[in-house]
Amino acid sequence: MKQSLVWRVESLFPLADRIEPRLASAQKQVDALTPSLLALAFRGKLVRQDPADEPAAALIERINRDSAAVAKSARPFDKLRAPSRGAHARGHEERTPQLRGSSTKRRNLPAGQR
């Protein structure tokens, strides 16, 4: 069993040696293609353009105008109140968490740990 596994792995090394240069070549092509695709996309050359589409400048202006209108109609955050988180909201009394063994007394610690 072990011998057949070793033989199989060793038989695949020549295949890996043949594939490795092809992989490196493909990676170089991908690295060169990505910036080209992005450049074409930003220039609008990847798909046919619809002349009925709104120009980018008009779209940006509309977005800014709509954002300003929403900002004027919204209440300022300082006027908003968070919902109460008191005892009545949870149905039990609120307790202050205490660390186990904590007290107001100073413990007797060795001199280096005070």
N, C-alpha and C. Protein backbone atom coordinates (compact mmCIF):
# COMPACT_ATOMS: atom_id res chain seq x y z
N MET A 1 0.83 -1.19 0.00
CA MET A 1 0.00 0.00 0.00
C MET A 1 0.87 1.25 0.00
N LYS A 2 1.83 1.30 0.95
CA LYS A 2 2.69 2.46 1.05
C LYS A 2 3.53 2.62 -0.21
N GLN A 3 4.02 1.50 -0.74
CA GLN A 3 4.85 1.53 -1.95
C GLN A 3 4.06 2.06 -3.14
N SER A 4 2.81 1.65 -3.26
CA SER A 4 1.99 2.11 -4.40
C SER A 4 1.69 3.60 -4.28
N LEU A 5 1.53 4.07 -3.07
CA LEU A 5 1.28 5.49 -2.85
C LEU A 5 2.52 6.32 -3.22
N VAL A 6 3.68 5.87 -2.80
CA VAL A 6 4.93 6.56 -3.12
C VAL A 6 5.14 6.54 -4.64
N TRP A 7 4.88 5.40 -5.27
CA TRP A 7 5.05 5.31 -6.73
C TRP A 7 4.11 6.28 -7.44
N ARG A 8 2.88 6.39 -6.98
CA ARG A 8 1.88 7.29 -7.61
C ARG A 8 2.31 8.76 -7.47
N VAL A 9 2.75 9.15 -6.28
CA VAL A 9 3.20 10.52 -6.06
C VAL A 9 4.38 10.84 -6.94
N GLU A 10 5.35 9.93 -7.00
CA GLU A 10 6.54 10.16 -7.82
C GLU A 10 6.20 10.20 -9.30
N SER A 11 5.19 9.48 -9.73
CA SER A 11 4.80 9.50 -11.14
C SER A 11 4.12 10.82 -11.53
N LEU A 12 3.62 11.55 -10.54
CA LEU A 12 2.95 12.82 -10.83
C LEU A 12 3.91 14.01 -10.90
N PHE A 13 5.15 13.84 -10.43
CA PHE A 13 6.12 14.93 -10.49
C PHE A 13 6.38 15.41 -11.92
N PRO A 14 6.56 14.53 -12.91
CA PRO A 14 6.77 15.03 -14.28
C PRO A 14 5.57 15.84 -14.80
N LEU A 15 4.37 15.43 -14.43
CA LEU A 15 3.18 16.18 -14.83
C LEU A 15 3.21 17.58 -14.22
N ALA A 16 3.57 17.66 -12.95
CA ALA A 16 3.66 18.96 -12.28
C ALA A 16 4.73 19.82 -12.94
N ASP A 17 5.84 19.21 -13.34
CA ASP A 17 6.91 19.96 -14.01
C ASP A 17 6.45 20.51 -15.35
N ARG A 18 5.57 19.81 -16.06
CA ARG A 18 5.04 20.30 -17.34
C ARG A 18 3.99 21.39 -17.14
N ILE A 19 3.23 21.30 -16.08
CA ILE A 19 2.15 22.26 -15.83
C ILE A 19 2.68 23.58 -15.28
N GLU A 20 3.76 23.54 -14.51
CA GLU A 20 4.26 24.74 -13.84
C GLU A 20 4.57 25.89 -14.79
N PRO A 21 5.27 25.68 -15.92
CA PRO A 21 5.52 26.81 -16.84
C PRO A 21 4.23 27.37 -17.44
N ARG A 22 3.28 26.49 -17.71
CA ARG A 22 1.99 26.95 -18.25
C ARG A 22 1.26 27.82 -17.23
N LEU A 23 1.36 27.44 -15.98
CA LEU A 23 0.72 28.22 -14.92
C LEU A 23 1.37 29.60 -14.82
N ALA A 24 2.69 29.65 -14.87
CA ALA A 24 3.39 30.93 -14.77
C ALA A 24 3.02 31.83 -15.94
N SER A 25 2.92 31.26 -17.14
CA SER A 25 2.54 32.04 -18.33
C SER A 25 1.12 32.57 -18.20
N ALA A 26 0.20 31.73 -17.73
CA ALA A 26 -1.19 32.15 -17.55
C ALA A 26 -1.29 33.26 -16.50
N GLN A 27 -0.49 33.16 -15.44
CA GLN A 27 -0.52 34.19 -14.39
C GLN A 27 -0.05 35.53 -14.93
N LYS A 28 0.97 35.52 -15.78
CA LYS A 28 1.45 36.77 -16.40
C LYS A 28 0.37 37.39 -17.27
N GLN A 29 -0.34 36.54 -18.02
CA GLN A 29 -1.42 37.05 -18.87
C GLN A 29 -2.54 37.66 -18.04
N VAL A 30 -2.90 37.02 -16.96
CA VAL A 30 -3.95 37.54 -16.07
C VAL A 30 -3.50 38.86 -15.46
N ASP A 31 -2.24 38.93 -15.04
CA ASP A 31 -1.74 40.16 -14.44
C ASP A 31 -1.78 41.32 -15.43
N ALA A 32 -1.53 41.04 -16.72
CA ALA A 32 -1.57 42.09 -17.73
C ALA A 32 -3.01 42.42 -18.13
N LEU A 33 -3.88 41.44 -18.05
CA LEU A 33 -5.27 41.63 -18.49
C LEU A 33 -6.09 42.45 -17.50
N THR A 34 -5.85 42.27 -16.22
CA THR A 34 -6.65 42.95 -15.21
C THR A 34 -6.62 44.47 -15.36
N PRO A 35 -5.45 45.11 -15.46
CA PRO A 35 -5.47 46.57 -15.64
C PRO A 35 -6.12 46.99 -16.95
N SER A 36 -5.95 46.18 -18.00
CA SER A 36 -6.58 46.50 -19.28
C SER A 36 -8.10 46.47 -19.17
N LEU A 37 -8.61 45.45 -18.48
CA LEU A 37 -10.06 45.35 -18.30
C LEU A 37 -10.60 46.51 -17.47
N LEU A 38 -9.88 46.86 -16.44
CA LEU A 38 -10.33 47.99 -15.62
C LEU A 38 -10.33 49.28 -16.42
N ALA A 39 -9.30 49.49 -17.22
CA ALA A 39 -9.24 50.70 -18.02
C ALA A 39 -10.40 50.75 -19.01
N LEU A 40 -10.68 49.63 -19.66
CA LEU A 40 -11.81 49.60 -20.59
C LEU A 40 -13.14 49.83 -19.87
N ALA A 41 -13.27 49.25 -18.68
CA ALA A 41 -14.52 49.40 -17.93
C ALA A 41 -14.74 50.86 -17.53
N PHE A 42 -13.70 51.52 -17.07
CA PHE A 42 -13.86 52.91 -16.66
C PHE A 42 -14.13 53.84 -17.84
N ARG A 43 -13.68 53.46 -19.02
CA ARG A 43 -13.97 54.27 -20.21
C ARG A 43 -15.30 53.89 -20.84
N GLY A 44 -15.97 52.88 -20.28
CA GLY A 44 -17.27 52.48 -20.82
C GLY A 44 -17.18 51.72 -22.12
N LYS A 45 -16.09 51.00 -22.35
CA LYS A 45 -15.86 50.31 -23.62
C LYS A 45 -16.19 48.82 -23.57
N LEU A 46 -16.59 48.30 -22.43
CA LEU A 46 -16.85 46.86 -22.33
C LEU A 46 -18.24 46.48 -22.84
N VAL A 47 -19.18 47.38 -22.70
CA VAL A 47 -20.54 47.10 -23.17
C VAL A 47 -21.01 48.26 -24.04
N ARG A 48 -21.97 47.98 -24.88
CA ARG A 48 -22.54 49.02 -25.73
C ARG A 48 -23.26 50.04 -24.85
N GLN A 49 -23.03 51.30 -25.10
CA GLN A 49 -23.61 52.36 -24.28
C GLN A 49 -25.00 52.73 -24.76
N ASP A 50 -25.89 53.00 -23.82
CA ASP A 50 -27.25 53.40 -24.13
C ASP A 50 -27.31 54.92 -24.12
N PRO A 51 -27.62 55.54 -25.26
CA PRO A 51 -27.66 57.01 -25.29
C PRO A 51 -28.74 57.59 -24.38
N ALA A 52 -29.72 56.79 -23.98
CA ALA A 52 -30.78 57.28 -23.09
C ALA A 52 -30.33 57.32 -21.63
N ASP A 53 -29.15 56.74 -21.32
CA ASP A 53 -28.66 56.77 -19.95
C ASP A 53 -28.36 58.19 -19.51
N GLU A 54 -28.59 58.45 -18.23
CA GLU A 54 -28.31 59.75 -17.63
C GLU A 54 -26.79 59.96 -17.58
N PRO A 55 -26.30 61.13 -17.98
CA PRO A 55 -24.86 61.40 -17.89
C PRO A 55 -24.40 61.33 -16.43
N ALA A 56 -23.14 60.95 -16.23
CA ALA A 56 -22.60 60.78 -14.88
C ALA A 56 -22.68 62.08 -14.09
N ALA A 57 -22.37 63.20 -14.72
CA ALA A 57 -22.40 64.49 -14.00
C ALA A 57 -23.81 64.79 -13.49
N ALA A 58 -24.82 64.50 -14.30
CA ALA A 58 -26.20 64.74 -13.88
C ALA A 58 -26.59 63.80 -12.75
N LEU A 59 -26.13 62.56 -12.82
CA LEU A 59 -26.42 61.59 -11.77
C LEU A 59 -25.81 62.03 -10.44
N ILE A 60 -24.57 62.47 -10.48
CA ILE A 60 -23.90 62.93 -9.25
C ILE A 60 -24.62 64.14 -8.67
N GLU A 61 -25.02 65.06 -9.53
CA GLU A 61 -25.75 66.25 -9.06
C GLU A 61 -27.06 65.84 -8.39
N ARG A 62 -27.77 64.91 -9.00
CA ARG A 62 -29.04 64.45 -8.43
C ARG A 62 -28.83 63.76 -7.09
N ILE A 63 -27.80 62.95 -6.99
CA ILE A 63 -27.50 62.26 -5.73
C ILE A 63 -27.19 63.27 -4.64
N ASN A 64 -26.36 64.27 -4.95
CA ASN A 64 -26.03 65.30 -3.96
C ASN A 64 -27.26 66.08 -3.53
N ARG A 65 -28.13 66.41 -4.47
CA ARG A 65 -29.35 67.16 -4.16
C ARG A 65 -30.27 66.32 -3.27
N ASP A 66 -30.43 65.04 -3.61
CA ASP A 66 -31.29 64.16 -2.80
C ASP A 66 -30.71 63.97 -1.40
N SER A 67 -29.39 63.83 -1.31
CA SER A 67 -28.75 63.64 0.00
C SER A 67 -28.95 64.88 0.87
N ALA A 68 -28.83 66.05 0.28
CA ALA A 68 -29.03 67.29 1.04
C ALA A 68 -30.46 67.39 1.54
N ALA A 69 -31.41 66.99 0.71
CA ALA A 69 -32.82 67.05 1.11
C ALA A 69 -33.09 66.09 2.27
N VAL A 70 -32.51 64.91 2.22
CA VAL A 70 -32.70 63.94 3.30
C VAL A 70 -32.06 64.46 4.58
N ALA A 71 -30.89 65.06 4.47
CA ALA A 71 -30.19 65.58 5.65
C ALA A 71 -30.99 66.69 6.31
N LYS A 72 -31.65 67.54 5.52
CA LYS A 72 -32.45 68.63 6.10
C LYS A 72 -33.68 68.10 6.82
N SER A 73 -34.29 67.05 6.30
CA SER A 73 -35.52 66.54 6.89
C SER A 73 -35.28 65.63 8.08
N ALA A 74 -34.07 65.10 8.22
CA ALA A 74 -33.77 64.18 9.32
C ALA A 74 -33.55 64.94 10.61
N ARG A 75 -33.93 64.31 11.73
CA ARG A 75 -33.69 64.93 13.02
C ARG A 75 -32.22 64.76 13.38
N PRO A 76 -31.63 65.75 14.01
CA PRO A 76 -30.23 65.62 14.43
C PRO A 76 -30.09 64.49 15.45
N PHE A 77 -28.97 63.83 15.44
CA PHE A 77 -28.74 62.69 16.33
C PHE A 77 -28.78 63.08 17.79
N ASP A 78 -28.38 64.29 18.13
CA ASP A 78 -28.36 64.66 19.55
C ASP A 78 -29.77 64.77 20.12
N LYS A 79 -30.79 64.86 19.29
CA LYS A 79 -32.16 64.92 19.80
C LYS A 79 -32.77 63.53 19.96
N LEU A 80 -32.13 62.53 19.35
CA LEU A 80 -32.65 61.17 19.46
C LEU A 80 -32.28 60.60 20.82
N ARG A 81 -33.18 59.82 21.39
CA ARG A 81 -32.90 59.20 22.67
C ARG A 81 -32.88 57.70 22.50
N ALA A 82 -31.91 57.08 23.10
CA ALA A 82 -31.83 55.63 23.06
C ALA A 82 -32.90 55.07 23.98
N PRO A 83 -33.45 53.90 23.66
CA PRO A 83 -34.45 53.30 24.54
C PRO A 83 -33.85 52.99 25.91
N SER A 84 -34.68 53.05 26.92
CA SER A 84 -34.23 52.81 28.28
C SER A 84 -33.74 51.38 28.43
N ARG A 85 -32.68 51.22 29.20
CA ARG A 85 -32.15 49.88 29.48
C ARG A 85 -32.21 49.61 30.97
N GLY A 86 -33.15 50.22 31.64
CA GLY A 86 -33.27 50.07 33.09
C GLY A 86 -33.83 48.72 33.47
N ALA A 87 -34.06 48.55 34.77
CA ALA A 87 -34.53 47.28 35.31
C ALA A 87 -35.89 46.91 34.74
N HIS A 88 -36.75 47.90 34.53
CA HIS A 88 -38.09 47.60 34.03
C HIS A 88 -38.05 47.04 32.61
N ALA A 89 -37.03 47.36 31.85
CA ALA A 89 -36.94 46.88 30.48
C ALA A 89 -36.56 45.41 30.45
N ARG A 90 -35.83 44.95 31.45
CA ARG A 90 -35.39 43.55 31.47
C ARG A 90 -36.25 42.69 32.39
N GLY A 91 -37.04 43.29 33.22
CA GLY A 91 -37.90 42.53 34.11
C GLY A 91 -37.21 42.09 35.39
N HIS A 92 -36.03 42.60 35.68
CA HIS A 92 -35.35 42.29 36.93
C HIS A 92 -34.50 43.49 37.32
N GLU A 93 -34.06 43.44 38.56
CA GLU A 93 -33.28 44.57 39.04
C GLU A 93 -31.91 44.59 38.39
N GLU A 94 -31.43 45.78 38.16
CA GLU A 94 -30.09 45.94 37.57
C GLU A 94 -29.07 45.86 38.70
N ARG A 95 -28.04 45.05 38.49
CA ARG A 95 -27.01 44.91 39.50
C ARG A 95 -25.69 45.37 38.93
N THR A 96 -24.86 45.92 39.79
CA THR A 96 -23.52 46.31 39.39
C THR A 96 -22.64 45.07 39.47
N PRO A 97 -21.96 44.72 38.37
CA PRO A 97 -21.13 43.51 38.42
C PRO A 97 -19.95 43.70 39.35
N GLN A 98 -19.63 42.68 40.11
CA GLN A 98 -18.50 42.74 41.02
C GLN A 98 -17.57 41.59 40.70
N LEU A 99 -16.28 41.88 40.75
CA LEU A 99 -15.29 40.85 40.51
C LEU A 99 -15.20 39.95 41.72
N ARG A 100 -14.99 38.69 41.48
CA ARG A 100 -14.88 37.73 42.56
C ARG A 100 -13.65 38.07 43.40
N GLY A 101 -13.82 38.16 44.67
CA GLY A 101 -12.70 38.43 45.57
C GLY A 101 -12.32 39.89 45.65
N SER A 102 -13.05 40.77 44.99
CA SER A 102 -12.67 42.18 45.05
C SER A 102 -13.22 42.79 46.33
N SER A 103 -12.46 43.66 46.86
CA SER A 103 -12.92 44.36 48.06
C SER A 103 -12.18 45.68 48.13
N THR A 104 -12.61 46.50 49.05
CA THR A 104 -11.95 47.79 49.20
C THR A 104 -10.68 47.68 50.00
N LYS A 105 -10.48 46.53 50.70
CA LYS A 105 -9.27 46.34 51.49
C LYS A 105 -8.11 45.98 50.58
N ARG A 106 -6.93 46.42 50.98
CA ARG A 106 -5.74 46.11 50.21
C ARG A 106 -5.25 44.73 50.62
N ARG A 107 -4.96 43.90 49.65
CA ARG A 107 -4.49 42.56 49.95
C ARG A 107 -3.03 42.59 50.36
N ASN A 108 -2.64 41.60 51.07
CA ASN A 108 -1.23 41.46 51.47
C ASN A 108 -0.47 40.78 50.34
N LEU A 109 0.12 41.60 49.48
CA LEU A 109 0.87 41.09 48.35
C LEU A 109 2.36 41.23 48.63
N PRO A 110 3.16 40.38 48.01
CA PRO A 110 4.61 40.53 48.16
C PRO A 110 5.03 41.92 47.66
N ALA A 111 6.16 42.42 48.13
CA ALA A 111 6.62 43.76 47.84
C ALA A 111 6.73 44.04 46.35
N GLY A 112 7.13 43.08 45.53
CA GLY A 112 7.30 43.30 44.10
C GLY A 112 5.99 43.41 43.34
N GLN A 113 4.87 43.03 43.95
CA GLN A 113 3.59 43.02 43.26
C GLN A 113 2.64 44.12 43.73
N ARG A 114 3.09 45.02 44.57
CA ARG A 114 2.22 46.08 45.08
C ARG A 114 2.13 47.21 44.12
